[in-house]
Amino acid sequence: MDFNVLMFYVFGVTAIAGGLVLFFAKHPIRSAMGLLASMLALAGMYAILQAHAIAVFQVIIYAGAIMVLIIYFIMLLDIQSEEYLRKYNKLLWAGGIFLVAILTLFIYKLYNILSASPDTFTTISRSIDPATAPEEFGGIKPFSKGLLTNYLFAFEFVSTLLFAAIVAVISIVQLDWKGRKNE
């Protein structure tokens, strides 16, 4: 097995493990650390796929700025009290059962595809070999051109939505602070 393939699998397992920590951690800071592990693992996967600019954006934007923002708001909400700890309920178990059902369906469909054509992944992996890809693959120029032409509205919409979420959280926290005693 090639070293890059092995590292891709390691990063994939790390991303899945981080997602599980994000979902099952009882404390929000631990959930945020699980999200950070997933983001860094995804950046490693992008780097292995020769998309270095996207890997750098993943680290700077998501693992850096967005995670700092999330942790800042978790700290702003004073999560140390017991009332904010996540309680497990029946909906969580229903969500887990739904997730297992979807995963089982996915594995069943994947098995059907592979049994019909066993060399599907080999053909796909040869067709997207980074050595035969254009020089600009994963570079800044095609990324920025696409972002500022085709996806400009989506980019601006998401940034406005993030700003609105920040304002909403700050207003909720300030309302809570007005009713809270000085401790």
N, C-alpha and C. Protein backbone atom coordinates (compact mmCIF):
# COMPACT_ATOMS: atom_id res chain seq x y z
N MET A 1 0.85 -1.18 0.00
CA MET A 1 0.00 0.00 0.00
C MET A 1 0.89 1.24 0.00
N ASP A 2 0.55 2.19 -0.83
CA ASP A 2 1.29 3.43 -0.95
C ASP A 2 1.13 4.27 0.33
N PHE A 3 2.16 5.05 0.66
CA PHE A 3 2.13 5.88 1.86
C PHE A 3 1.00 6.91 1.80
N ASN A 4 0.78 7.51 0.62
CA ASN A 4 -0.29 8.51 0.49
C ASN A 4 -1.66 7.89 0.71
N VAL A 5 -1.86 6.68 0.22
CA VAL A 5 -3.14 6.00 0.42
C VAL A 5 -3.34 5.69 1.90
N LEU A 6 -2.27 5.22 2.55
CA LEU A 6 -2.34 4.92 3.97
C LEU A 6 -2.67 6.18 4.77
N MET A 7 -2.01 7.29 4.46
CA MET A 7 -2.28 8.54 5.18
C MET A 7 -3.69 9.06 4.89
N PHE A 8 -4.17 8.84 3.66
CA PHE A 8 -5.54 9.24 3.33
C PHE A 8 -6.53 8.48 4.21
N TYR A 9 -6.30 7.18 4.39
CA TYR A 9 -7.17 6.39 5.27
C TYR A 9 -7.05 6.85 6.72
N VAL A 10 -5.84 7.16 7.17
CA VAL A 10 -5.65 7.62 8.54
C VAL A 10 -6.39 8.94 8.76
N PHE A 11 -6.26 9.87 7.80
CA PHE A 11 -6.98 11.14 7.92
C PHE A 11 -8.49 10.92 7.86
N GLY A 12 -8.94 9.98 7.04
CA GLY A 12 -10.37 9.69 6.96
C GLY A 12 -10.92 9.15 8.26
N VAL A 13 -10.19 8.22 8.87
CA VAL A 13 -10.61 7.67 10.17
C VAL A 13 -10.58 8.76 11.24
N THR A 14 -9.57 9.63 11.18
CA THR A 14 -9.49 10.74 12.14
C THR A 14 -10.68 11.69 11.98
N ALA A 15 -11.05 11.97 10.74
CA ALA A 15 -12.21 12.86 10.50
C ALA A 15 -13.49 12.23 11.03
N ILE A 16 -13.66 10.94 10.82
CA ILE A 16 -14.86 10.25 11.33
C ILE A 16 -14.85 10.22 12.86
N ALA A 17 -13.68 9.95 13.45
CA ALA A 17 -13.58 9.93 14.91
C ALA A 17 -13.87 11.31 15.49
N GLY A 18 -13.36 12.36 14.86
CA GLY A 18 -13.66 13.71 15.31
C GLY A 18 -15.14 14.03 15.22
N GLY A 19 -15.79 13.55 14.16
CA GLY A 19 -17.23 13.74 14.03
C GLY A 19 -18.00 13.01 15.11
N LEU A 20 -17.54 11.82 15.48
CA LEU A 20 -18.20 11.08 16.56
C LEU A 20 -18.01 11.78 17.89
N VAL A 21 -16.81 12.32 18.13
CA VAL A 21 -16.58 13.09 19.36
C VAL A 21 -17.48 14.32 19.37
N LEU A 22 -17.60 14.98 18.23
CA LEU A 22 -18.47 16.14 18.11
C LEU A 22 -19.90 15.79 18.49
N PHE A 23 -20.36 14.64 18.07
CA PHE A 23 -21.74 14.25 18.30
C PHE A 23 -21.97 13.73 19.72
N PHE A 24 -21.05 12.93 20.25
CA PHE A 24 -21.30 12.24 21.51
C PHE A 24 -20.70 12.91 22.74
N ALA A 25 -19.89 13.94 22.60
CA ALA A 25 -19.29 14.59 23.78
C ALA A 25 -20.38 15.30 24.58
N LYS A 26 -20.27 15.20 25.90
CA LYS A 26 -21.28 15.82 26.75
C LYS A 26 -21.01 17.31 26.95
N HIS A 27 -19.76 17.72 26.89
CA HIS A 27 -19.42 19.12 27.10
C HIS A 27 -19.17 19.80 25.76
N PRO A 28 -19.67 21.01 25.56
CA PRO A 28 -19.53 21.68 24.26
C PRO A 28 -18.09 21.95 23.84
N ILE A 29 -17.19 22.18 24.78
CA ILE A 29 -15.79 22.42 24.41
C ILE A 29 -15.19 21.15 23.81
N ARG A 30 -15.51 20.00 24.38
CA ARG A 30 -15.02 18.75 23.80
C ARG A 30 -15.62 18.52 22.41
N SER A 31 -16.87 18.90 22.23
CA SER A 31 -17.48 18.82 20.90
C SER A 31 -16.75 19.71 19.91
N ALA A 32 -16.38 20.90 20.35
CA ALA A 32 -15.63 21.82 19.48
C ALA A 32 -14.26 21.24 19.13
N MET A 33 -13.63 20.56 20.06
CA MET A 33 -12.34 19.94 19.76
C MET A 33 -12.49 18.78 18.77
N GLY A 34 -13.60 18.06 18.86
CA GLY A 34 -13.88 17.03 17.86
C GLY A 34 -14.07 17.62 16.48
N LEU A 35 -14.76 18.76 16.41
CA LEU A 35 -14.92 19.46 15.13
C LEU A 35 -13.58 19.93 14.60
N LEU A 36 -12.73 20.42 15.48
CA LEU A 36 -11.39 20.86 15.07
C LEU A 36 -10.58 19.70 14.51
N ALA A 37 -10.64 18.54 15.17
CA ALA A 37 -9.93 17.37 14.66
C ALA A 37 -10.44 16.97 13.28
N SER A 38 -11.74 17.03 13.08
CA SER A 38 -12.30 16.72 11.76
C SER A 38 -11.83 17.70 10.70
N MET A 39 -11.81 18.98 11.04
CA MET A 39 -11.38 19.99 10.07
C MET A 39 -9.91 19.82 9.70
N LEU A 40 -9.07 19.54 10.68
CA LEU A 40 -7.64 19.34 10.38
C LEU A 40 -7.42 18.07 9.57
N ALA A 41 -8.19 17.03 9.85
CA ALA A 41 -8.07 15.80 9.07
C ALA A 41 -8.51 16.03 7.63
N LEU A 42 -9.56 16.81 7.43
CA LEU A 42 -9.98 17.14 6.07
C LEU A 42 -8.91 17.94 5.34
N ALA A 43 -8.24 18.84 6.05
CA ALA A 43 -7.15 19.59 5.43
C ALA A 43 -6.02 18.65 5.01
N GLY A 44 -5.73 17.66 5.83
CA GLY A 44 -4.73 16.67 5.45
C GLY A 44 -5.14 15.88 4.23
N MET A 45 -6.41 15.54 4.13
CA MET A 45 -6.90 14.82 2.95
C MET A 45 -6.78 15.68 1.69
N TYR A 46 -7.11 16.96 1.82
CA TYR A 46 -6.96 17.86 0.67
C TYR A 46 -5.50 17.97 0.24
N ALA A 47 -4.60 18.02 1.21
CA ALA A 47 -3.17 18.13 0.88
C ALA A 47 -2.69 16.88 0.15
N ILE A 48 -3.16 15.71 0.57
CA ILE A 48 -2.77 14.47 -0.12
C ILE A 48 -3.30 14.45 -1.54
N LEU A 49 -4.47 15.05 -1.77
CA LEU A 49 -5.06 15.10 -3.11
C LEU A 49 -4.47 16.21 -3.97
N GLN A 50 -3.38 16.82 -3.52
CA GLN A 50 -2.67 17.88 -4.23
C GLN A 50 -3.48 19.17 -4.36
N ALA A 51 -4.47 19.36 -3.53
CA ALA A 51 -5.24 20.60 -3.51
C ALA A 51 -4.74 21.43 -2.33
N HIS A 52 -3.52 21.94 -2.47
CA HIS A 52 -2.85 22.60 -1.35
C HIS A 52 -3.54 23.90 -0.94
N ALA A 53 -4.04 24.65 -1.91
CA ALA A 53 -4.71 25.90 -1.57
C ALA A 53 -5.97 25.63 -0.76
N ILE A 54 -6.72 24.61 -1.13
CA ILE A 54 -7.94 24.29 -0.39
C ILE A 54 -7.58 23.78 1.01
N ALA A 55 -6.48 23.05 1.13
CA ALA A 55 -6.03 22.60 2.45
C ALA A 55 -5.67 23.79 3.34
N VAL A 56 -4.99 24.77 2.76
CA VAL A 56 -4.62 25.96 3.53
C VAL A 56 -5.88 26.74 3.92
N PHE A 57 -6.82 26.88 2.99
CA PHE A 57 -8.08 27.56 3.31
C PHE A 57 -8.83 26.82 4.41
N GLN A 58 -8.80 25.51 4.37
CA GLN A 58 -9.48 24.70 5.39
C GLN A 58 -8.90 25.00 6.77
N VAL A 59 -7.58 25.09 6.85
CA VAL A 59 -6.94 25.34 8.14
C VAL A 59 -7.18 26.78 8.59
N ILE A 60 -6.96 27.73 7.68
CA ILE A 60 -7.07 29.14 8.07
C ILE A 60 -8.51 29.53 8.37
N ILE A 61 -9.42 29.19 7.46
CA ILE A 61 -10.80 29.67 7.61
C ILE A 61 -11.58 28.83 8.61
N TYR A 62 -11.62 27.51 8.40
CA TYR A 62 -12.48 26.68 9.24
C TYR A 62 -11.82 26.31 10.56
N ALA A 63 -10.63 25.71 10.49
CA ALA A 63 -9.99 25.28 11.73
C ALA A 63 -9.47 26.47 12.52
N GLY A 64 -9.23 27.58 11.86
CA GLY A 64 -8.75 28.76 12.55
C GLY A 64 -9.87 29.69 12.96
N ALA A 65 -10.37 30.45 12.01
CA ALA A 65 -11.31 31.53 12.32
C ALA A 65 -12.66 31.03 12.84
N ILE A 66 -13.27 30.09 12.16
CA ILE A 66 -14.59 29.62 12.58
C ILE A 66 -14.53 28.91 13.92
N MET A 67 -13.49 28.11 14.14
CA MET A 67 -13.37 27.42 15.43
C MET A 67 -13.12 28.40 16.57
N VAL A 68 -12.31 29.43 16.33
CA VAL A 68 -12.11 30.46 17.35
C VAL A 68 -13.43 31.14 17.67
N LEU A 69 -14.21 31.41 16.64
CA LEU A 69 -15.52 32.03 16.83
C LEU A 69 -16.45 31.13 17.63
N ILE A 70 -16.49 29.85 17.31
CA ILE A 70 -17.34 28.91 18.03
C ILE A 70 -16.92 28.80 19.49
N ILE A 71 -15.62 28.65 19.73
CA ILE A 71 -15.14 28.53 21.11
C ILE A 71 -15.37 29.83 21.87
N TYR A 72 -15.20 30.96 21.20
CA TYR A 72 -15.47 32.25 21.84
C TYR A 72 -16.92 32.32 22.32
N PHE A 73 -17.86 31.90 21.50
CA PHE A 73 -19.26 31.96 21.90
C PHE A 73 -19.60 30.91 22.95
N ILE A 74 -18.94 29.77 22.92
CA ILE A 74 -19.16 28.78 23.98
C ILE A 74 -18.69 29.36 25.31
N MET A 75 -17.53 30.02 25.30
CA MET A 75 -17.03 30.63 26.53
C MET A 75 -17.92 31.81 26.96
N LEU A 76 -18.45 32.54 25.98
CA LEU A 76 -19.31 33.67 26.29
C LEU A 76 -20.60 33.23 26.95
N LEU A 77 -21.06 32.03 26.64
CA LEU A 77 -22.31 31.52 27.20
C LEU A 77 -22.16 30.95 28.60
N ASP A 78 -20.96 30.92 29.15
CA ASP A 78 -20.71 30.40 30.50
C ASP A 78 -21.21 28.96 30.61
N ILE A 79 -20.56 28.07 29.90
CA ILE A 79 -20.98 26.68 29.79
C ILE A 79 -20.60 25.85 31.02
N GLN A 80 -19.94 26.43 32.00
CA GLN A 80 -19.49 25.65 33.15
C GLN A 80 -20.65 25.17 34.02
N SER A 81 -21.77 25.86 33.98
CA SER A 81 -22.88 25.43 34.82
C SER A 81 -23.51 24.15 34.26
N GLU A 82 -24.16 23.42 35.12
CA GLU A 82 -24.72 22.11 34.76
C GLU A 82 -25.90 22.22 33.79
N GLU A 83 -26.56 23.38 33.73
CA GLU A 83 -27.75 23.50 32.90
C GLU A 83 -27.45 23.41 31.40
N TYR A 84 -26.18 23.67 31.02
CA TYR A 84 -25.84 23.63 29.60
C TYR A 84 -25.31 22.28 29.15
N LEU A 85 -25.08 21.36 30.07
CA LEU A 85 -24.58 20.05 29.67
C LEU A 85 -25.64 19.32 28.86
N ARG A 86 -25.19 18.65 27.83
CA ARG A 86 -26.13 17.96 26.93
C ARG A 86 -26.67 16.71 27.62
N LYS A 87 -27.97 16.64 27.68
CA LYS A 87 -28.62 15.46 28.24
C LYS A 87 -29.01 14.53 27.10
N TYR A 88 -28.82 13.24 27.32
CA TYR A 88 -29.23 12.27 26.31
C TYR A 88 -30.72 12.00 26.46
N ASN A 89 -31.41 11.96 25.37
CA ASN A 89 -32.84 11.69 25.42
C ASN A 89 -33.21 10.71 24.32
N LYS A 90 -34.51 10.45 24.19
CA LYS A 90 -34.98 9.47 23.21
C LYS A 90 -34.74 9.92 21.78
N LEU A 91 -34.75 11.22 21.52
CA LEU A 91 -34.51 11.71 20.17
C LEU A 91 -33.09 11.41 19.71
N LEU A 92 -32.15 11.42 20.64
CA LEU A 92 -30.77 11.09 20.29
C LEU A 92 -30.68 9.64 19.84
N TRP A 93 -31.36 8.77 20.54
CA TRP A 93 -31.35 7.35 20.14
C TRP A 93 -32.06 7.16 18.81
N ALA A 94 -33.15 7.88 18.59
CA ALA A 94 -33.85 7.79 17.30
C ALA A 94 -32.96 8.28 16.17
N GLY A 95 -32.21 9.36 16.43
CA GLY A 95 -31.27 9.86 15.44
C GLY A 95 -30.16 8.86 15.16
N GLY A 96 -29.69 8.18 16.20
CA GLY A 96 -28.67 7.15 16.02
C GLY A 96 -29.18 5.98 15.20
N ILE A 97 -30.40 5.56 15.48
CA ILE A 97 -30.99 4.46 14.71
C ILE A 97 -31.18 4.87 13.25
N PHE A 98 -31.62 6.11 13.02
CA PHE A 98 -31.76 6.62 11.65
C PHE A 98 -30.41 6.65 10.94
N LEU A 99 -29.37 7.08 11.65
CA LEU A 99 -28.02 7.13 11.08
C LEU A 99 -27.54 5.74 10.70
N VAL A 100 -27.77 4.77 11.57
CA VAL A 100 -27.37 3.39 11.26
C VAL A 100 -28.15 2.86 10.06
N ALA A 101 -29.42 3.20 9.96
CA ALA A 101 -30.23 2.76 8.81
C ALA A 101 -29.71 3.36 7.51
N ILE A 102 -29.38 4.64 7.53
CA ILE A 102 -28.84 5.30 6.33
C ILE A 102 -27.49 4.70 5.97
N LEU A 103 -26.65 4.46 6.97
CA LEU A 103 -25.33 3.86 6.72
C LEU A 103 -25.47 2.46 6.15
N THR A 104 -26.42 1.69 6.67
CA THR A 104 -26.66 0.34 6.14
C THR A 104 -27.13 0.40 4.69
N LEU A 105 -28.01 1.33 4.38
CA LEU A 105 -28.46 1.51 3.00
C LEU A 105 -27.30 1.90 2.09
N PHE A 106 -26.44 2.79 2.56
CA PHE A 106 -25.27 3.20 1.78
C PHE A 106 -24.34 2.02 1.51
N ILE A 107 -24.07 1.23 2.53
CA ILE A 107 -23.19 0.07 2.36
C ILE A 107 -23.82 -0.95 1.41
N TYR A 108 -25.13 -1.15 1.50
CA TYR A 108 -25.83 -2.06 0.60
C TYR A 108 -25.71 -1.59 -0.85
N LYS A 109 -25.94 -0.29 -1.09
CA LYS A 109 -25.82 0.25 -2.45
C LYS A 109 -24.39 0.15 -2.95
N LEU A 110 -23.42 0.42 -2.10
CA LEU A 110 -22.02 0.31 -2.49
C LEU A 110 -21.67 -1.13 -2.84
N TYR A 111 -22.19 -2.07 -2.07
CA TYR A 111 -21.95 -3.48 -2.36
C TYR A 111 -22.55 -3.86 -3.72
N ASN A 112 -23.75 -3.38 -4.00
CA ASN A 112 -24.38 -3.67 -5.31
C ASN A 112 -23.57 -3.09 -6.46
N ILE A 113 -23.05 -1.89 -6.29
CA ILE A 113 -22.24 -1.27 -7.35
C ILE A 113 -20.96 -2.05 -7.56
N LEU A 114 -20.30 -2.42 -6.47
CA LEU A 114 -19.03 -3.14 -6.59
C LEU A 114 -19.21 -4.56 -7.09
N SER A 115 -20.31 -5.20 -6.75
CA SER A 115 -20.52 -6.55 -7.25
C SER A 115 -20.85 -6.55 -8.74
N ALA A 116 -21.49 -5.49 -9.23
CA ALA A 116 -21.79 -5.39 -10.66
C ALA A 116 -20.55 -5.07 -11.47
N SER A 117 -19.69 -4.21 -10.94
CA SER A 117 -18.47 -3.81 -11.64
C SER A 117 -17.34 -3.69 -10.62
N PRO A 118 -16.55 -4.76 -10.42
CA PRO A 118 -15.54 -4.76 -9.36
C PRO A 118 -14.43 -3.72 -9.52
N ASP A 119 -14.10 -3.28 -10.73
CA ASP A 119 -13.01 -2.32 -10.87
C ASP A 119 -13.52 -0.89 -11.04
N THR A 120 -14.63 -0.55 -10.40
CA THR A 120 -15.17 0.80 -10.49
C THR A 120 -14.21 1.81 -9.88
N PHE A 121 -13.74 1.54 -8.66
CA PHE A 121 -12.87 2.50 -7.99
C PHE A 121 -11.51 2.61 -8.67
N THR A 122 -11.02 1.53 -9.22
CA THR A 122 -9.74 1.58 -9.93
C THR A 122 -9.86 2.48 -11.16
N THR A 123 -10.94 2.35 -11.89
CA THR A 123 -11.16 3.19 -13.07
C THR A 123 -11.31 4.65 -12.69
N ILE A 124 -12.07 4.92 -11.63
CA ILE A 124 -12.26 6.30 -11.19
C ILE A 124 -10.95 6.89 -10.70
N SER A 125 -10.19 6.13 -9.91
CA SER A 125 -8.94 6.68 -9.38
C SER A 125 -7.92 6.94 -10.47
N ARG A 126 -7.92 6.15 -11.52
CA ARG A 126 -6.99 6.41 -12.63
C ARG A 126 -7.42 7.63 -13.43
N SER A 127 -8.72 7.88 -13.50
CA SER A 127 -9.19 9.01 -14.31
C SER A 127 -8.97 10.35 -13.62
N ILE A 128 -8.79 10.36 -12.28
CA ILE A 128 -8.57 11.63 -11.58
C ILE A 128 -7.18 11.68 -10.96
N ASP A 129 -6.23 11.07 -11.58
CA ASP A 129 -4.86 11.08 -11.10
C ASP A 129 -4.33 12.51 -11.11
N PRO A 130 -3.85 13.04 -9.95
CA PRO A 130 -3.35 14.41 -9.93
C PRO A 130 -2.17 14.64 -10.87
N ALA A 131 -1.43 13.59 -11.21
CA ALA A 131 -0.31 13.76 -12.12
C ALA A 131 -0.79 14.11 -13.53
N THR A 132 -1.98 13.65 -13.90
CA THR A 132 -2.52 13.97 -15.23
C THR A 132 -3.49 15.14 -15.19
N ALA A 133 -3.74 15.70 -14.01
CA ALA A 133 -4.66 16.83 -13.87
C ALA A 133 -3.98 18.11 -14.37
N PRO A 134 -4.75 19.12 -14.68
CA PRO A 134 -4.14 20.39 -15.11
C PRO A 134 -3.25 20.97 -14.02
N GLU A 135 -2.34 21.81 -14.43
CA GLU A 135 -1.39 22.42 -13.49
C GLU A 135 -2.10 23.24 -12.41
N GLU A 136 -3.24 23.79 -12.74
CA GLU A 136 -3.93 24.67 -11.81
C GLU A 136 -4.79 23.92 -10.79
N PHE A 137 -4.80 22.59 -10.83
CA PHE A 137 -5.64 21.81 -9.93
C PHE A 137 -5.30 22.14 -8.48
N GLY A 138 -6.29 22.54 -7.70
CA GLY A 138 -6.09 22.84 -6.29
C GLY A 138 -5.40 24.15 -6.04
N GLY A 139 -5.20 24.96 -7.06
CA GLY A 139 -4.52 26.23 -6.89
C GLY A 139 -5.46 27.35 -6.51
N ILE A 140 -4.87 28.51 -6.28
CA ILE A 140 -5.65 29.66 -5.83
C ILE A 140 -6.43 30.28 -6.98
N LYS A 141 -5.85 30.31 -8.18
CA LYS A 141 -6.49 30.99 -9.31
C LYS A 141 -7.86 30.40 -9.66
N PRO A 142 -7.99 29.09 -9.89
CA PRO A 142 -9.33 28.58 -10.21
C PRO A 142 -10.30 28.67 -9.03
N PHE A 143 -9.77 28.55 -7.82
CA PHE A 143 -10.63 28.65 -6.63
C PHE A 143 -11.20 30.06 -6.52
N SER A 144 -10.33 31.06 -6.61
CA SER A 144 -10.81 32.44 -6.45
C SER A 144 -11.68 32.86 -7.63
N LYS A 145 -11.35 32.39 -8.83
CA LYS A 145 -12.17 32.73 -10.00
C LYS A 145 -13.59 32.16 -9.84
N GLY A 146 -13.68 30.91 -9.40
CA GLY A 146 -14.99 30.31 -9.17
C GLY A 146 -15.74 30.98 -8.04
N LEU A 147 -15.02 31.32 -6.97
CA LEU A 147 -15.66 31.93 -5.81
C LEU A 147 -16.20 33.31 -6.13
N LEU A 148 -15.46 34.08 -6.91
CA LEU A 148 -15.86 35.45 -7.18
C LEU A 148 -16.69 35.62 -8.44
N THR A 149 -16.95 34.53 -9.17
CA THR A 149 -17.83 34.63 -10.34
C THR A 149 -19.08 33.77 -10.14
N ASN A 150 -18.92 32.47 -10.14
CA ASN A 150 -20.08 31.57 -10.07
C ASN A 150 -20.73 31.52 -8.70
N TYR A 151 -19.94 31.63 -7.64
CA TYR A 151 -20.46 31.41 -6.29
C TYR A 151 -20.40 32.67 -5.43
N LEU A 152 -20.40 33.84 -6.05
CA LEU A 152 -20.30 35.08 -5.29
C LEU A 152 -21.52 35.28 -4.39
N PHE A 153 -22.71 35.03 -4.91
CA PHE A 153 -23.92 35.21 -4.10
C PHE A 153 -23.91 34.26 -2.90
N ALA A 154 -23.56 33.00 -3.12
CA ALA A 154 -23.54 32.03 -2.02
C ALA A 154 -22.50 32.43 -0.97
N PHE A 155 -21.35 32.90 -1.42
CA PHE A 155 -20.29 33.33 -0.50
C PHE A 155 -20.77 34.50 0.35
N GLU A 156 -21.36 35.50 -0.27
CA GLU A 156 -21.84 36.67 0.46
C GLU A 156 -23.03 36.31 1.35
N PHE A 157 -23.88 35.41 0.90
CA PHE A 157 -25.02 34.99 1.70
C PHE A 157 -24.56 34.29 2.97
N VAL A 158 -23.59 33.40 2.84
CA VAL A 158 -23.09 32.68 4.01
C VAL A 158 -22.40 33.64 4.98
N SER A 159 -21.63 34.60 4.47
CA SER A 159 -20.98 35.55 5.36
C SER A 159 -22.01 36.42 6.09
N THR A 160 -23.08 36.82 5.41
CA THR A 160 -24.14 37.59 6.04
C THR A 160 -24.89 36.75 7.07
N LEU A 161 -25.13 35.49 6.75
CA LEU A 161 -25.79 34.59 7.69
C LEU A 161 -24.95 34.38 8.94
N LEU A 162 -23.65 34.23 8.78
CA LEU A 162 -22.75 34.08 9.92
C LEU A 162 -22.76 35.34 10.78
N PHE A 163 -22.75 36.49 10.15
CA PHE A 163 -22.81 37.75 10.90
C PHE A 163 -24.12 37.86 11.67
N ALA A 164 -25.23 37.48 11.05
CA ALA A 164 -26.53 37.52 11.73
C ALA A 164 -26.56 36.57 12.92
N ALA A 165 -25.92 35.41 12.77
CA ALA A 165 -25.86 34.46 13.89
C ALA A 165 -25.05 35.03 15.04
N ILE A 166 -23.97 35.73 14.73
CA ILE A 166 -23.15 36.35 15.77
C ILE A 166 -23.97 37.40 16.52
N VAL A 167 -24.67 38.24 15.79
CA VAL A 167 -25.50 39.28 16.42
C VAL A 167 -26.59 38.64 17.27
N ALA A 168 -27.20 37.57 16.80
CA ALA A 168 -28.25 36.89 17.56
C ALA A 168 -27.71 36.30 18.85
N VAL A 169 -26.56 35.67 18.78
CA VAL A 169 -25.98 35.07 20.00
C VAL A 169 -25.62 36.16 21.00
N ILE A 170 -25.04 37.24 20.53
CA ILE A 170 -24.68 38.33 21.44
C ILE A 170 -25.93 38.92 22.09
N SER A 171 -27.00 39.10 21.34
CA SER A 171 -28.22 39.65 21.92
C SER A 171 -28.84 38.69 22.92
N ILE A 172 -28.80 37.39 22.65
CA ILE A 172 -29.33 36.41 23.59
C ILE A 172 -28.52 36.40 24.88
N VAL A 173 -27.20 36.46 24.75
CA VAL A 173 -26.34 36.44 25.93
C VAL A 173 -26.53 37.72 26.74
N GLN A 174 -26.67 38.86 26.10
CA GLN A 174 -26.88 40.10 26.83
C GLN A 174 -28.22 40.09 27.56
N LEU A 175 -29.25 39.51 26.97
CA LEU A 175 -30.53 39.38 27.67
C LEU A 175 -30.38 38.51 28.90
N ASP A 176 -29.57 37.45 28.79
CA ASP A 176 -29.35 36.56 29.92
C ASP A 176 -28.54 37.26 31.00
N TRP A 177 -27.57 38.09 30.61
CA TRP A 177 -26.76 38.79 31.59
C TRP A 177 -27.57 39.80 32.39
N LYS A 178 -28.56 40.42 31.79
CA LYS A 178 -29.36 41.42 32.49
C LYS A 178 -30.17 40.78 33.62
N GLY A 179 -30.59 39.55 33.44
CA GLY A 179 -31.38 38.88 34.45
C GLY A 179 -30.56 38.10 35.46
N ARG A 180 -29.26 38.00 35.25
CA ARG A 180 -28.40 37.19 36.11
C ARG A 180 -27.82 38.03 37.25
N LYS A 181 -27.70 37.44 38.42
CA LYS A 181 -27.08 38.13 39.55
C LYS A 181 -25.57 38.16 39.36
N ASN A 182 -24.93 39.15 39.96
CA ASN A 182 -23.47 39.21 39.92
C ASN A 182 -22.90 38.12 40.80
N GLU A 183 -22.08 37.28 40.23
CA GLU A 183 -21.52 36.17 41.01
C GLU A 183 -20.06 36.42 41.28
